[in-house]
């Protein structure tokens, strides 16, 4: 086994319902903070790739749907 074969994150197996909810809430808050921090870069990327049918990062929908 190589060091890169190990999982990036080890998730606890026996969380209570409340702890699972708190963990998920924390992850959503982290994702929102990352989106705010990198907003300009995300928008630049979305504009550059808008004509390629990539996901619209602001609306999380296809910008060029197949139908």
PDB file of N, CA and C in Angstrom:
ATOM      1  N   UNK A   1       0.852  -1.173   0.000  1.00  0.00           N
ATOM      2  CA  UNK A   1       0.000   0.000   0.000  1.00  0.00           C
ATOM      3  C   UNK A   1       0.900   1.240   0.000  1.00  0.00           C
ATOM      4  N   UNK A   2       0.581   2.182  -0.846  1.00  0.00           N
ATOM      5  CA  UNK A   2       1.315   3.438  -0.945  1.00  0.00           C
ATOM      6  C   UNK A   2       0.583   4.522  -0.148  1.00  0.00           C
ATOM      7  N   UNK A   3       1.293   5.580   0.268  1.00  0.00           N
ATOM      8  CA  UNK A   3       0.624   6.660   1.023  1.00  0.00           C
ATOM      9  C   UNK A   3      -0.560   7.264   0.276  1.00  0.00           C
ATOM     10  N   UNK A   4      -0.505   7.348  -1.039  1.00  0.00           N
ATOM     11  CA  UNK A   4      -1.608   7.923  -1.803  1.00  0.00           C
ATOM     12  C   UNK A   4      -2.813   6.989  -1.907  1.00  0.00           C
ATOM     13  N   UNK A   5      -2.658   5.741  -1.500  1.00  0.00           N
ATOM     14  CA  UNK A   5      -3.769   4.799  -1.527  1.00  0.00           C
ATOM     15  C   UNK A   5      -4.712   4.979  -0.339  1.00  0.00           C
ATOM     16  N   UNK A   6      -4.276   5.693   0.661  1.00  0.00           N
ATOM     17  CA  UNK A   6      -5.098   5.897   1.847  1.00  0.00           C
ATOM     18  C   UNK A   6      -6.185   6.923   1.555  1.00  0.00           C
ATOM     19  N   UNK A   7      -7.346   6.808   2.206  1.00  0.00           N
ATOM     20  CA  UNK A   7      -8.412   7.788   1.969  1.00  0.00           C
ATOM     21  C   UNK A   7      -8.004   9.177   2.463  1.00  0.00           C
ATOM     22  N   UNK A   8      -8.506  10.187   1.791  1.00  0.00           N
ATOM     23  CA  UNK A   8      -8.215  11.572   2.181  1.00  0.00           C
ATOM     24  C   UNK A   8      -8.900  11.890   3.505  1.00  0.00           C
ATOM     25  N   UNK A   9     -10.121  11.388   3.666  1.00  0.00           N
ATOM     26  CA  UNK A   9     -10.908  11.674   4.863  1.00  0.00           C
ATOM     27  C   UNK A   9     -11.384  10.352   5.450  1.00  0.00           C
ATOM     28  N   UNK A  10     -11.245  10.219   6.736  1.00  0.00           N
ATOM     29  CA  UNK A  10     -11.797   9.061   7.440  1.00  0.00           C
ATOM     30  C   UNK A  10     -13.054   9.519   8.166  1.00  0.00           C
ATOM     31  N   UNK A  11     -14.190   9.021   7.738  1.00  0.00           N
ATOM     32  CA  UNK A  11     -15.450   9.430   8.344  1.00  0.00           C
ATOM     33  C   UNK A  11     -15.801   8.509   9.499  1.00  0.00           C
ATOM     34  N   UNK A  12     -16.272   9.092  10.599  1.00  0.00           N
ATOM     35  CA  UNK A  12     -16.700   8.262  11.728  1.00  0.00           C
ATOM     36  C   UNK A  12     -17.922   7.441  11.337  1.00  0.00           C
ATOM     37  N   UNK A  13     -17.986   6.233  11.830  1.00  0.00           N
ATOM     38  CA  UNK A  13     -19.064   5.318  11.448  1.00  0.00           C
ATOM     39  C   UNK A  13     -20.296   5.427  12.357  1.00  0.00           C
ATOM     40  N   UNK A  14     -20.106   5.755  13.617  1.00  0.00           N
ATOM     41  CA  UNK A  14     -21.205   5.714  14.579  1.00  0.00           C
ATOM     42  C   UNK A  14     -21.559   7.099  15.091  1.00  0.00           C
ATOM     43  N   UNK A  15     -21.991   7.991  14.192  1.00  0.00           N
ATOM     44  CA  UNK A  15     -22.418   9.322  14.615  1.00  0.00           C
ATOM     45  C   UNK A  15     -23.881   9.282  15.023  1.00  0.00           C
ATOM     46  N   UNK A  16     -24.205  10.093  16.011  1.00  0.00           N
ATOM     47  CA  UNK A  16     -25.614  10.253  16.356  1.00  0.00           C
ATOM     48  C   UNK A  16     -26.283  11.067  15.258  1.00  0.00           C
ATOM     49  N   UNK A  17     -27.602  11.073  15.254  1.00  0.00           N
ATOM     50  CA  UNK A  17     -28.334  11.863  14.261  1.00  0.00           C
ATOM     51  C   UNK A  17     -27.954  13.339  14.369  1.00  0.00           C
ATOM     52  N   UNK A  18     -27.854  13.834  15.599  1.00  0.00           N
ATOM     53  CA  UNK A  18     -27.514  15.243  15.817  1.00  0.00           C
ATOM     54  C   UNK A  18     -26.088  15.539  15.336  1.00  0.00           C
ATOM     55  N   UNK A  19     -25.155  14.652  15.631  1.00  0.00           N
ATOM     56  CA  UNK A  19     -23.765  14.862  15.210  1.00  0.00           C
ATOM     57  C   UNK A  19     -23.647  14.812  13.685  1.00  0.00           C
ATOM     58  N   UNK A  20     -24.388  13.921  13.038  1.00  0.00           N
ATOM     59  CA  UNK A  20     -24.370  13.846  11.582  1.00  0.00           C
ATOM     60  C   UNK A  20     -24.914  15.142  10.980  1.00  0.00           C
ATOM     61  N   UNK A  21     -25.978  15.675  11.575  1.00  0.00           N
ATOM     62  CA  UNK A  21     -26.550  16.939  11.117  1.00  0.00           C
ATOM     63  C   UNK A  21     -25.560  18.075  11.299  1.00  0.00           C
ATOM     64  N   UNK A  22     -24.878  18.114  12.431  1.00  0.00           N
ATOM     65  CA  UNK A  22     -23.888  19.157  12.688  1.00  0.00           C
ATOM     66  C   UNK A  22     -22.704  19.055  11.728  1.00  0.00           C
ATOM     67  N   UNK A  23     -22.260  17.848  11.437  1.00  0.00           N
ATOM     68  CA  UNK A  23     -21.155  17.657  10.507  1.00  0.00           C
ATOM     69  C   UNK A  23     -21.538  18.148   9.118  1.00  0.00           C
ATOM     70  N   UNK A  24     -22.727  17.780   8.660  1.00  0.00           N
ATOM     71  CA  UNK A  24     -23.181  18.211   7.344  1.00  0.00           C
ATOM     72  C   UNK A  24     -23.338  19.728   7.291  1.00  0.00           C
ATOM     73  N   UNK A  25     -23.864  20.327   8.345  1.00  0.00           N
ATOM     74  CA  UNK A  25     -23.998  21.784   8.403  1.00  0.00           C
ATOM     75  C   UNK A  25     -22.629  22.453   8.316  1.00  0.00           C
ATOM     76  N   UNK A  26     -21.657  21.918   9.030  1.00  0.00           N
ATOM     77  CA  UNK A  26     -20.294  22.455   8.973  1.00  0.00           C
ATOM     78  C   UNK A  26     -19.739  22.378   7.553  1.00  0.00           C
ATOM     79  N   UNK A  27     -19.951  21.253   6.879  1.00  0.00           N
ATOM     80  CA  UNK A  27     -19.442  21.096   5.515  1.00  0.00           C
ATOM     81  C   UNK A  27     -20.110  22.070   4.553  1.00  0.00           C
ATOM     82  N   UNK A  28     -21.421  22.299   4.713  1.00  0.00           N
ATOM     83  CA  UNK A  28     -22.103  23.296   3.881  1.00  0.00           C
ATOM     84  C   UNK A  28     -21.520  24.695   4.129  1.00  0.00           C
ATOM     85  N   UNK A  29     -21.283  25.028   5.386  1.00  0.00           N
ATOM     86  CA  UNK A  29     -20.708  26.337   5.710  1.00  0.00           C
ATOM     87  C   UNK A  29     -19.303  26.467   5.132  1.00  0.00           C
ATOM     88  N   UNK A  30     -18.532  25.405   5.178  1.00  0.00           N
ATOM     89  CA  UNK A  30     -17.190  25.420   4.602  1.00  0.00           C
ATOM     90  C   UNK A  30     -17.260  25.631   3.089  1.00  0.00           C
ATOM     91  N   UNK A  31     -18.167  24.916   2.426  1.00  0.00           N
ATOM     92  CA  UNK A  31     -18.324  25.068   0.979  1.00  0.00           C
ATOM     93  C   UNK A  31     -18.743  26.501   0.629  1.00  0.00           C
ATOM     94  N   UNK A  32     -19.646  27.084   1.398  1.00  0.00           N
ATOM     95  CA  UNK A  32     -20.074  28.459   1.154  1.00  0.00           C
ATOM     96  C   UNK A  32     -18.915  29.431   1.340  1.00  0.00           C
ATOM     97  N   UNK A  33     -18.101  29.216   2.358  1.00  0.00           N
ATOM     98  CA  UNK A  33     -16.942  30.084   2.590  1.00  0.00           C
ATOM     99  C   UNK A  33     -15.952  29.986   1.433  1.00  0.00           C
ATOM    100  N   UNK A  34     -15.742  28.778   0.927  1.00  0.00           N
ATOM    101  CA  UNK A  34     -14.844  28.598  -0.220  1.00  0.00           C
ATOM    102  C   UNK A  34     -15.403  29.280  -1.464  1.00  0.00           C
ATOM    103  N   UNK A  35     -16.715  29.167  -1.677  1.00  0.00           N
ATOM    104  CA  UNK A  35     -17.339  29.830  -2.825  1.00  0.00           C
ATOM    105  C   UNK A  35     -17.171  31.348  -2.731  1.00  0.00           C
ATOM    106  N   UNK A  36     -17.383  31.915  -1.542  1.00  0.00           N
ATOM    107  CA  UNK A  36     -17.211  33.365  -1.381  1.00  0.00           C
ATOM    108  C   UNK A  36     -15.762  33.760  -1.613  1.00  0.00           C
ATOM    109  N   UNK A  37     -14.832  32.987  -1.075  1.00  0.00           N
ATOM    110  CA  UNK A  37     -13.413  33.319  -1.177  1.00  0.00           C
ATOM    111  C   UNK A  37     -12.929  33.265  -2.624  1.00  0.00           C
ATOM    112  N   UNK A  38     -13.390  32.280  -3.377  1.00  0.00           N
ATOM    113  CA  UNK A  38     -12.935  32.079  -4.747  1.00  0.00           C
ATOM    114  C   UNK A  38     -13.969  32.536  -5.782  1.00  0.00           C
ATOM    115  N   UNK A  39     -14.903  33.383  -5.396  1.00  0.00           N
ATOM    116  CA  UNK A  39     -16.002  33.784  -6.275  1.00  0.00           C
ATOM    117  C   UNK A  39     -15.513  34.342  -7.601  1.00  0.00           C
ATOM    118  N   UNK A  40     -14.550  35.242  -7.572  1.00  0.00           N
ATOM    119  CA  UNK A  40     -14.069  35.858  -8.818  1.00  0.00           C
ATOM    120  C   UNK A  40     -13.489  34.795  -9.750  1.00  0.00           C
ATOM    121  N   UNK A  41     -12.727  33.882  -9.204  1.00  0.00           N
ATOM    122  CA  UNK A  41     -12.132  32.828 -10.030  1.00  0.00           C
ATOM    123  C   UNK A  41     -13.195  31.882 -10.570  1.00  0.00           C
ATOM    124  N   UNK A  42     -14.175  31.548  -9.753  1.00  0.00           N
ATOM    125  CA  UNK A  42     -15.255  30.672 -10.198  1.00  0.00           C
ATOM    126  C   UNK A  42     -16.053  31.328 -11.322  1.00  0.00           C
ATOM    127  N   UNK A  43     -16.318  32.627 -11.199  1.00  0.00           N
ATOM    128  CA  UNK A  43     -17.046  33.335 -12.244  1.00  0.00           C
ATOM    129  C   UNK A  43     -16.238  33.402 -13.536  1.00  0.00           C
ATOM    130  N   UNK A  44     -14.935  33.683 -13.425  1.00  0.00           N
ATOM    131  CA  UNK A  44     -14.084  33.699 -14.622  1.00  0.00           C
ATOM    132  C   UNK A  44     -14.120  32.351 -15.320  1.00  0.00           C
ATOM    133  N   UNK A  45     -13.994  31.301 -14.553  1.00  0.00           N
ATOM    134  CA  UNK A  45     -14.019  29.951 -15.117  1.00  0.00           C
ATOM    135  C   UNK A  45     -15.362  29.686 -15.801  1.00  0.00           C
ATOM    136  N   UNK A  46     -16.456  30.033 -15.134  1.00  0.00           N
ATOM    137  CA  UNK A  46     -17.788  29.798 -15.694  1.00  0.00           C
ATOM    138  C   UNK A  46     -17.962  30.563 -17.000  1.00  0.00           C
ATOM    139  N   UNK A  47     -17.493  31.802 -17.052  1.00  0.00           N
ATOM    140  CA  UNK A  47     -17.626  32.593 -18.277  1.00  0.00           C
ATOM    141  C   UNK A  47     -16.775  32.021 -19.400  1.00  0.00           C
ATOM    142  N   UNK A  48     -15.583  31.550 -19.087  1.00  0.00           N
ATOM    143  CA  UNK A  48     -14.709  30.971 -20.119  1.00  0.00           C
ATOM    144  C   UNK A  48     -15.279  29.680 -20.682  1.00  0.00           C
ATOM    145  N   UNK A  49     -15.972  28.919 -19.863  1.00  0.00           N
ATOM    146  CA  UNK A  49     -16.457  27.611 -20.275  1.00  0.00           C
ATOM    147  C   UNK A  49     -17.959  27.598 -20.528  1.00  0.00           C
ATOM    148  N   UNK A  50     -18.586  28.755 -20.584  1.00  0.00           N
ATOM    149  CA  UNK A  50     -20.035  28.834 -20.732  1.00  0.00           C
ATOM    150  C   UNK A  50     -20.513  28.224 -22.043  1.00  0.00           C
ATOM    151  N   UNK A  51     -19.770  28.398 -23.135  1.00  0.00           N
ATOM    152  CA  UNK A  51     -20.206  27.890 -24.426  1.00  0.00           C
ATOM    153  C   UNK A  51     -19.904  26.402 -24.616  1.00  0.00           C
ATOM    154  N   UNK A  52     -19.298  25.772 -23.647  1.00  0.00           N
ATOM    155  CA  UNK A  52     -18.922  24.353 -23.761  1.00  0.00           C
ATOM    156  C   UNK A  52     -19.956  23.431 -23.137  1.00  0.00           C
ATOM    157  N   UNK A  53     -21.071  23.979 -22.663  1.00  0.00           N
ATOM    158  CA  UNK A  53     -22.083  23.142 -22.024  1.00  0.00           C
ATOM    159  C   UNK A  53     -21.721  22.753 -20.612  1.00  0.00           C
ATOM    160  N   UNK A  54     -20.811  23.480 -19.985  1.00  0.00           N
ATOM    161  CA  UNK A  54     -20.433  23.195 -18.609  1.00  0.00           C
ATOM    162  C   UNK A  54     -21.565  23.625 -17.674  1.00  0.00           C
ATOM    163  N   UNK A  55     -21.498  23.198 -16.440  1.00  0.00           N
ATOM    164  CA  UNK A  55     -22.490  23.613 -15.463  1.00  0.00           C
ATOM    165  C   UNK A  55     -22.341  25.087 -15.168  1.00  0.00           C
ATOM    166  N   UNK A  56     -23.459  25.769 -15.040  1.00  0.00           N
ATOM    167  CA  UNK A  56     -23.462  27.155 -14.595  1.00  0.00           C
ATOM    168  C   UNK A  56     -23.211  27.123 -13.097  1.00  0.00           C
ATOM    169  N   UNK A  57     -22.046  27.594 -12.660  1.00  0.00           N
ATOM    170  CA  UNK A  57     -21.658  27.475 -11.262  1.00  0.00           C
ATOM    171  C   UNK A  57     -22.547  28.294 -10.335  1.00  0.00           C
ATOM    172  N   UNK A  58     -23.186  29.335 -10.844  1.00  0.00           N
ATOM    173  CA  UNK A  58     -24.044  30.152  -9.989  1.00  0.00           C
ATOM    174  C   UNK A  58     -25.398  29.506  -9.756  1.00  0.00           C
ATOM    175  N   UNK A  59     -25.940  28.826 -10.767  1.00  0.00           N
ATOM    176  CA  UNK A  59     -27.272  28.241 -10.658  1.00  0.00           C
ATOM    177  C   UNK A  59     -27.259  26.730 -10.550  1.00  0.00           C
ATOM    178  N   UNK A  60     -26.063  26.120 -10.686  1.00  0.00           N
ATOM    179  CA  UNK A  60     -25.909  24.670 -10.611  1.00  0.00           C
ATOM    180  C   UNK A  60     -26.825  23.962 -11.614  1.00  0.00           C
ATOM    181  N   UNK A  61     -26.956  24.554 -12.798  1.00  0.00           N
ATOM    182  CA  UNK A  61     -27.752  23.964 -13.869  1.00  0.00           C
ATOM    183  C   UNK A  61     -26.924  23.961 -15.146  1.00  0.00           C
ATOM    184  N   UNK A  62     -27.233  23.089 -16.087  1.00  0.00           N
ATOM    185  CA  UNK A  62     -26.492  23.118 -17.354  1.00  0.00           C
ATOM    186  C   UNK A  62     -26.715  24.441 -18.065  1.00  0.00           C
ATOM    187  N   UNK A  63     -25.632  25.081 -18.515  1.00  0.00           N
ATOM    188  CA  UNK A  63     -25.768  26.356 -19.208  1.00  0.00           C
ATOM    189  C   UNK A  63     -26.145  26.155 -20.652  1.00  0.00           C
ATOM    190  N   UNK A  64     -25.924  24.958 -21.188  1.00  0.00           N
ATOM    191  CA  UNK A  64     -26.261  24.649 -22.565  1.00  0.00           C
ATOM    192  C   UNK A  64     -26.908  23.273 -22.578  1.00  0.00           C
ATOM    193  N   UNK A  65     -28.207  23.198 -22.179  1.00  0.00           N
ATOM    194  CA  UNK A  65     -28.840  21.885 -22.046  1.00  0.00           C
ATOM    195  C   UNK A  65     -28.913  21.159 -23.387  1.00  0.00           C
ATOM    196  N   UNK A  66     -28.881  19.815 -23.381  1.00  0.00           N
ATOM    197  CA  UNK A  66     -28.868  19.050 -24.627  1.00  0.00           C
ATOM    198  C   UNK A  66     -30.217  19.035 -25.340  1.00  0.00           C
ATOM    199  N   UNK A  67     -31.288  19.507 -24.711  1.00  0.00           N
ATOM    200  CA  UNK A  67     -32.602  19.515 -25.351  1.00  0.00           C
ATOM    201  C   UNK A  67     -33.326  20.802 -25.072  1.00  0.00           C
TER     202      UNK A  67
END
